[in-house]
PDB file of N, CA and C in Angstrom:
ATOM      1  N   UNK A   1       2.469  18.988  -7.953  1.00  0.00           N
ATOM      2  CA  UNK A   1       1.798  20.090  -8.624  1.00  0.00           C
ATOM      3  C   UNK A   1       2.583  21.363  -8.351  1.00  0.00           C
ATOM      4  N   UNK A   2       2.948  22.060  -9.378  1.00  0.00           N
ATOM      5  CA  UNK A   2       3.652  23.344  -9.321  1.00  0.00           C
ATOM      6  C   UNK A   2       4.910  23.290  -8.451  1.00  0.00           C
ATOM      7  N   UNK A   3       5.890  22.490  -8.844  1.00  0.00           N
ATOM      8  CA  UNK A   3       7.112  22.375  -8.028  1.00  0.00           C
ATOM      9  C   UNK A   3       7.844  23.702  -7.847  1.00  0.00           C
ATOM     10  N   UNK A   4       7.677  24.616  -8.773  1.00  0.00           N
ATOM     11  CA  UNK A   4       8.338  25.913  -8.669  1.00  0.00           C
ATOM     12  C   UNK A   4       7.753  26.759  -7.532  1.00  0.00           C
ATOM     13  N   UNK A   5       6.590  26.355  -7.045  1.00  0.00           N
ATOM     14  CA  UNK A   5       5.927  27.076  -5.949  1.00  0.00           C
ATOM     15  C   UNK A   5       5.913  26.255  -4.648  1.00  0.00           C
ATOM     16  N   UNK A   6       6.771  25.270  -4.555  1.00  0.00           N
ATOM     17  CA  UNK A   6       6.755  24.353  -3.413  1.00  0.00           C
ATOM     18  C   UNK A   6       6.786  25.088  -2.071  1.00  0.00           C
ATOM     19  N   UNK A   7       7.686  26.041  -1.919  1.00  0.00           N
ATOM     20  CA  UNK A   7       7.801  26.766  -0.650  1.00  0.00           C
ATOM     21  C   UNK A   7       6.557  27.603  -0.380  1.00  0.00           C
ATOM     22  N   UNK A   8       6.076  28.278  -1.397  1.00  0.00           N
ATOM     23  CA  UNK A   8       4.876  29.098  -1.237  1.00  0.00           C
ATOM     24  C   UNK A   8       3.664  28.231  -0.896  1.00  0.00           C
ATOM     25  N   UNK A   9       3.552  27.079  -1.521  1.00  0.00           N
ATOM     26  CA  UNK A   9       2.450  26.161  -1.227  1.00  0.00           C
ATOM     27  C   UNK A   9       2.490  25.747   0.241  1.00  0.00           C
ATOM     28  N   UNK A  10       3.668  25.401   0.726  1.00  0.00           N
ATOM     29  CA  UNK A  10       3.809  25.014   2.135  1.00  0.00           C
ATOM     30  C   UNK A  10       3.370  26.139   3.058  1.00  0.00           C
ATOM     31  N   UNK A  11       3.772  27.348   2.731  1.00  0.00           N
ATOM     32  CA  UNK A  11       3.394  28.506   3.546  1.00  0.00           C
ATOM     33  C   UNK A  11       1.894  28.730   3.508  1.00  0.00           C
ATOM     34  N   UNK A  12       1.324  28.742   2.314  1.00  0.00           N
ATOM     35  CA  UNK A  12      -0.102  29.024   2.181  1.00  0.00           C
ATOM     36  C   UNK A  12      -0.974  27.939   2.820  1.00  0.00           C
ATOM     37  N   UNK A  13      -0.510  26.705   2.789  1.00  0.00           N
ATOM     38  CA  UNK A  13      -1.284  25.630   3.409  1.00  0.00           C
ATOM     39  C   UNK A  13      -1.411  25.827   4.910  1.00  0.00           C
ATOM     40  N   UNK A  14      -0.467  26.521   5.519  1.00  0.00           N
ATOM     41  CA  UNK A  14      -0.527  26.742   6.963  1.00  0.00           C
ATOM     42  C   UNK A  14      -1.105  28.102   7.335  1.00  0.00           C
ATOM     43  N   UNK A  15      -1.120  29.045   6.377  1.00  0.00           N
ATOM     44  CA  UNK A  15      -1.528  30.408   6.706  1.00  0.00           C
ATOM     45  C   UNK A  15      -2.793  30.891   6.009  1.00  0.00           C
ATOM     46  N   UNK A  16      -3.285  30.152   5.034  1.00  0.00           N
ATOM     47  CA  UNK A  16      -4.434  30.597   4.250  1.00  0.00           C
ATOM     48  C   UNK A  16      -5.462  29.474   4.171  1.00  0.00           C
ATOM     49  N   UNK A  17      -6.528  29.598   4.959  1.00  0.00           N
ATOM     50  CA  UNK A  17      -7.542  28.539   5.035  1.00  0.00           C
ATOM     51  C   UNK A  17      -8.212  28.296   3.683  1.00  0.00           C
ATOM     52  N   UNK A  18      -8.449  29.366   2.916  1.00  0.00           N
ATOM     53  CA  UNK A  18      -9.070  29.219   1.591  1.00  0.00           C
ATOM     54  C   UNK A  18      -8.172  28.383   0.679  1.00  0.00           C
ATOM     55  N   UNK A  19      -6.885  28.721   0.649  1.00  0.00           N
ATOM     56  CA  UNK A  19      -5.935  27.969  -0.173  1.00  0.00           C
ATOM     57  C   UNK A  19      -5.876  26.515   0.286  1.00  0.00           C
ATOM     58  N   UNK A  20      -5.812  26.315   1.585  1.00  0.00           N
ATOM     59  CA  UNK A  20      -5.731  24.958   2.123  1.00  0.00           C
ATOM     60  C   UNK A  20      -6.945  24.125   1.704  1.00  0.00           C
ATOM     61  N   UNK A  21      -8.145  24.710   1.746  1.00  0.00           N
ATOM     62  CA  UNK A  21      -9.358  23.998   1.318  1.00  0.00           C
ATOM     63  C   UNK A  21      -9.271  23.612  -0.157  1.00  0.00           C
ATOM     64  N   UNK A  22      -8.861  24.566  -0.994  1.00  0.00           N
ATOM     65  CA  UNK A  22      -8.747  24.286  -2.439  1.00  0.00           C
ATOM     66  C   UNK A  22      -7.716  23.188  -2.698  1.00  0.00           C
ATOM     67  N   UNK A  23      -6.582  23.286  -2.035  1.00  0.00           N
ATOM     68  CA  UNK A  23      -5.508  22.315  -2.210  1.00  0.00           C
ATOM     69  C   UNK A  23      -5.965  20.920  -1.776  1.00  0.00           C
ATOM     70  N   UNK A  24      -6.607  20.839  -0.624  1.00  0.00           N
ATOM     71  CA  UNK A  24      -7.096  19.548  -0.126  1.00  0.00           C
ATOM     72  C   UNK A  24      -8.190  18.979  -1.022  1.00  0.00           C
ATOM     73  N   UNK A  25      -9.069  19.833  -1.492  1.00  0.00           N
ATOM     74  CA  UNK A  25     -10.136  19.377  -2.387  1.00  0.00           C
ATOM     75  C   UNK A  25      -9.549  18.817  -3.686  1.00  0.00           C
ATOM     76  N   UNK A  26      -8.526  19.485  -4.208  1.00  0.00           N
ATOM     77  CA  UNK A  26      -7.846  19.009  -5.421  1.00  0.00           C
ATOM     78  C   UNK A  26      -7.257  17.627  -5.181  1.00  0.00           C
ATOM     79  N   UNK A  27      -6.584  17.451  -4.050  1.00  0.00           N
ATOM     80  CA  UNK A  27      -5.968  16.164  -3.746  1.00  0.00           C
ATOM     81  C   UNK A  27      -7.012  15.070  -3.535  1.00  0.00           C
ATOM     82  N   UNK A  28      -8.137  15.407  -2.914  1.00  0.00           N
ATOM     83  CA  UNK A  28      -9.202  14.433  -2.727  1.00  0.00           C
ATOM     84  C   UNK A  28      -9.793  14.000  -4.069  1.00  0.00           C
ATOM     85  N   UNK A  29      -9.993  14.957  -4.961  1.00  0.00           N
ATOM     86  CA  UNK A  29     -10.500  14.619  -6.295  1.00  0.00           C
ATOM     87  C   UNK A  29      -9.512  13.727  -7.037  1.00  0.00           C
ATOM     88  N   UNK A  30      -8.227  14.034  -6.906  1.00  0.00           N
ATOM     89  CA  UNK A  30      -7.198  13.237  -7.559  1.00  0.00           C
ATOM     90  C   UNK A  30      -7.275  11.785  -7.085  1.00  0.00           C
ATOM     91  N   UNK A  31      -7.410  11.604  -5.793  1.00  0.00           N
ATOM     92  CA  UNK A  31      -7.501  10.251  -5.241  1.00  0.00           C
ATOM     93  C   UNK A  31      -8.782   9.554  -5.688  1.00  0.00           C
ATOM     94  N   UNK A  32      -9.874  10.273  -5.697  1.00  0.00           N
ATOM     95  CA  UNK A  32     -11.151   9.710  -6.139  1.00  0.00           C
ATOM     96  C   UNK A  32     -11.079   9.273  -7.604  1.00  0.00           C
ATOM     97  N   UNK A  33     -10.458  10.091  -8.431  1.00  0.00           N
ATOM     98  CA  UNK A  33     -10.296   9.765  -9.857  1.00  0.00           C
ATOM     99  C   UNK A  33      -9.458   8.495 -10.011  1.00  0.00           C
ATOM    100  N   UNK A  34      -8.364   8.410  -9.270  1.00  0.00           N
ATOM    101  CA  UNK A  34      -7.504   7.219  -9.347  1.00  0.00           C
ATOM    102  C   UNK A  34      -8.278   5.959  -8.980  1.00  0.00           C
ATOM    103  N   UNK A  35      -9.081   6.049  -7.915  1.00  0.00           N
ATOM    104  CA  UNK A  35      -9.859   4.891  -7.487  1.00  0.00           C
ATOM    105  C   UNK A  35     -10.908   4.505  -8.532  1.00  0.00           C
ATOM    106  N   UNK A  36     -11.584   5.491  -9.091  1.00  0.00           N
ATOM    107  CA  UNK A  36     -12.582   5.203 -10.129  1.00  0.00           C
ATOM    108  C   UNK A  36     -11.936   4.595 -11.365  1.00  0.00           C
ATOM    109  N   UNK A  37     -10.791   5.113 -11.751  1.00  0.00           N
ATOM    110  CA  UNK A  37     -10.116   4.593 -12.948  1.00  0.00           C
ATOM    111  C   UNK A  37      -9.660   3.157 -12.745  1.00  0.00           C
ATOM    112  N   UNK A  38      -9.316   2.805 -11.523  1.00  0.00           N
ATOM    113  CA  UNK A  38      -8.938   1.417 -11.245  1.00  0.00           C
ATOM    114  C   UNK A  38     -10.129   0.490 -11.453  1.00  0.00           C
ATOM    115  N   UNK A  39     -11.299   0.952 -10.987  1.00  0.00           N
ATOM    116  CA  UNK A  39     -12.501   0.112 -11.091  1.00  0.00           C
ATOM    117  C   UNK A  39     -13.102   0.167 -12.484  1.00  0.00           C
ATOM    118  N   UNK A  40     -13.212   1.363 -13.027  1.00  0.00           N
ATOM    119  CA  UNK A  40     -13.875   1.547 -14.317  1.00  0.00           C
ATOM    120  C   UNK A  40     -12.893   1.295 -15.457  1.00  0.00           C
ATOM    121  N   UNK A  41     -11.651   1.749 -15.276  1.00  0.00           N
ATOM    122  CA  UNK A  41     -10.625   1.493 -16.266  1.00  0.00           C
ATOM    123  C   UNK A  41     -10.647   2.423 -17.463  1.00  0.00           C
ATOM    124  N   UNK A  42     -11.425   3.484 -17.400  1.00  0.00           N
ATOM    125  CA  UNK A  42     -11.493   4.366 -18.553  1.00  0.00           C
ATOM    126  C   UNK A  42     -11.805   5.788 -18.121  1.00  0.00           C
ATOM    127  N   UNK A  43     -11.106   6.750 -18.730  1.00  0.00           N
ATOM    128  CA  UNK A  43     -11.419   8.142 -18.425  1.00  0.00           C
ATOM    129  C   UNK A  43     -12.543   8.654 -19.326  1.00  0.00           C
ATOM    130  N   UNK A  44     -13.130   7.760 -20.109  1.00  0.00           N
ATOM    131  CA  UNK A  44     -14.278   8.141 -20.936  1.00  0.00           C
ATOM    132  C   UNK A  44     -15.581   8.000 -20.161  1.00  0.00           C
ATOM    133  N   UNK A  45     -15.478   7.452 -18.971  1.00  0.00           N
ATOM    134  CA  UNK A  45     -16.634   7.345 -18.095  1.00  0.00           C
ATOM    135  C   UNK A  45     -17.093   8.743 -17.734  1.00  0.00           C
ATOM    136  N   UNK A  46     -18.382   9.043 -17.840  1.00  0.00           N
ATOM    137  CA  UNK A  46     -18.874  10.401 -17.557  1.00  0.00           C
ATOM    138  C   UNK A  46     -18.540  10.890 -16.139  1.00  0.00           C
ATOM    139  N   UNK A  47     -18.584  10.004 -15.162  1.00  0.00           N
ATOM    140  CA  UNK A  47     -18.266  10.409 -13.784  1.00  0.00           C
ATOM    141  C   UNK A  47     -16.806  10.828 -13.669  1.00  0.00           C
ATOM    142  N   UNK A  48     -15.923  10.059 -14.290  1.00  0.00           N
ATOM    143  CA  UNK A  48     -14.496  10.376 -14.250  1.00  0.00           C
ATOM    144  C   UNK A  48     -14.239  11.681 -14.993  1.00  0.00           C
ATOM    145  N   UNK A  49     -14.887  11.833 -16.111  1.00  0.00           N
ATOM    146  CA  UNK A  49     -14.710  13.053 -16.904  1.00  0.00           C
ATOM    147  C   UNK A  49     -15.137  14.286 -16.111  1.00  0.00           C
ATOM    148  N   UNK A  50     -16.253  14.190 -15.399  1.00  0.00           N
ATOM    149  CA  UNK A  50     -16.738  15.319 -14.604  1.00  0.00           C
ATOM    150  C   UNK A  50     -15.771  15.638 -13.465  1.00  0.00           C
ATOM    151  N   UNK A  51     -15.265  14.608 -12.801  1.00  0.00           N
ATOM    152  CA  UNK A  51     -14.312  14.822 -11.712  1.00  0.00           C
ATOM    153  C   UNK A  51     -13.020  15.451 -12.225  1.00  0.00           C
ATOM    154  N   UNK A  52     -12.571  15.006 -13.386  1.00  0.00           N
ATOM    155  CA  UNK A  52     -11.349  15.583 -13.969  1.00  0.00           C
ATOM    156  C   UNK A  52     -11.558  17.049 -14.314  1.00  0.00           C
ATOM    157  N   UNK A  53     -12.740  17.386 -14.761  1.00  0.00           N
ATOM    158  CA  UNK A  53     -13.052  18.777 -15.071  1.00  0.00           C
ATOM    159  C   UNK A  53     -13.012  19.631 -13.800  1.00  0.00           C
ATOM    160  N   UNK A  54     -13.606  19.130 -12.718  1.00  0.00           N
ATOM    161  CA  UNK A  54     -13.574  19.842 -11.439  1.00  0.00           C
ATOM    162  C   UNK A  54     -12.143  19.993 -10.943  1.00  0.00           C
ATOM    163  N   UNK A  55     -11.358  18.932 -11.091  1.00  0.00           N
ATOM    164  CA  UNK A  55      -9.963  18.961 -10.643  1.00  0.00           C
ATOM    165  C   UNK A  55      -9.171  20.010 -11.423  1.00  0.00           C
ATOM    166  N   UNK A  56      -9.387  20.074 -12.714  1.00  0.00           N
ATOM    167  CA  UNK A  56      -8.691  21.066 -13.540  1.00  0.00           C
ATOM    168  C   UNK A  56      -9.078  22.475 -13.119  1.00  0.00           C
ATOM    169  N   UNK A  57     -10.350  22.695 -12.858  1.00  0.00           N
ATOM    170  CA  UNK A  57     -10.813  24.008 -12.417  1.00  0.00           C
ATOM    171  C   UNK A  57     -10.131  24.397 -11.092  1.00  0.00           C
ATOM    172  N   UNK A  58     -10.049  23.458 -10.174  1.00  0.00           N
ATOM    173  CA  UNK A  58      -9.379  23.731  -8.902  1.00  0.00           C
ATOM    174  C   UNK A  58      -7.896  24.030  -9.111  1.00  0.00           C
ATOM    175  N   UNK A  59      -7.278  23.283  -9.996  1.00  0.00           N
ATOM    176  CA  UNK A  59      -5.853  23.513 -10.280  1.00  0.00           C
ATOM    177  C   UNK A  59      -5.644  24.918 -10.826  1.00  0.00           C
ATOM    178  N   UNK A  60      -6.527  25.361 -11.680  1.00  0.00           N
ATOM    179  CA  UNK A  60      -6.433  26.714 -12.225  1.00  0.00           C
ATOM    180  C   UNK A  60      -6.621  27.756 -11.129  1.00  0.00           C
ATOM    181  N   UNK A  61      -7.565  27.516 -10.215  1.00  0.00           N
ATOM    182  CA  UNK A  61      -7.769  28.430  -9.092  1.00  0.00           C
ATOM    183  C   UNK A  61      -6.523  28.488  -8.206  1.00  0.00           C
ATOM    184  N   UNK A  62      -5.957  27.322  -7.926  1.00  0.00           N
ATOM    185  CA  UNK A  62      -4.755  27.252  -7.097  1.00  0.00           C
ATOM    186  C   UNK A  62      -3.620  28.020  -7.758  1.00  0.00           C
ATOM    187  N   UNK A  63      -3.466  27.845  -9.047  1.00  0.00           N
ATOM    188  CA  UNK A  63      -2.407  28.548  -9.772  1.00  0.00           C
ATOM    189  C   UNK A  63      -2.591  30.063  -9.690  1.00  0.00           C
ATOM    190  N   UNK A  64      -3.819  30.521  -9.826  1.00  0.00           N
ATOM    191  CA  UNK A  64      -4.078  31.967  -9.738  1.00  0.00           C
ATOM    192  C   UNK A  64      -3.729  32.497  -8.346  1.00  0.00           C
ATOM    193  N   UNK A  65      -4.056  31.729  -7.324  1.00  0.00           N
ATOM    194  CA  UNK A  65      -3.702  32.138  -5.958  1.00  0.00           C
ATOM    195  C   UNK A  65      -2.190  32.209  -5.813  1.00  0.00           C
ATOM    196  N   UNK A  66      -1.502  31.207  -6.310  1.00  0.00           N
ATOM    197  CA  UNK A  66      -0.038  31.195  -6.218  1.00  0.00           C
ATOM    198  C   UNK A  66       0.571  32.374  -6.951  1.00  0.00           C
ATOM    199  N   UNK A  67       0.068  32.650  -8.150  1.00  0.00           N
ATOM    200  CA  UNK A  67       0.597  33.790  -8.921  1.00  0.00           C
ATOM    201  C   UNK A  67       0.366  35.104  -8.180  1.00  0.00           C
ATOM    202  N   UNK A  68      -0.763  35.237  -7.518  1.00  0.00           N
ATOM    203  CA  UNK A  68      -1.066  36.485  -6.827  1.00  0.00           C
ATOM    204  C   UNK A  68      -0.193  36.698  -5.588  1.00  0.00           C
ATOM    205  N   UNK A  69       0.377  35.607  -5.068  1.00  0.00           N
ATOM    206  CA  UNK A  69       1.239  35.700  -3.882  1.00  0.00           C
ATOM    207  C   UNK A  69       2.724  35.706  -4.218  1.00  0.00           C
ATOM    208  N   UNK A  70       3.061  35.577  -5.465  1.00  0.00           N
ATOM    209  CA  UNK A  70       4.493  35.501  -5.806  1.00  0.00           C
ATOM    210  C   UNK A  70       5.006  36.821  -6.350  1.00  0.00           C
TER     211      UNK A  70
END
């Protein structure tokens, strides 16, 4: 996610607890979605769709944080 911000992400993960929480939550959702898709096999499942929506929202928040620090 956001390879152009790789160094900044590394820094923020160690220095900004809010950023670290958002980043970890995004990764946890990503893993949860992958596991559900393996079992359910479809992103049309309402649970998967809701998780993907939350993940996208977190990604947008993370991007805004990165932009504000660059």
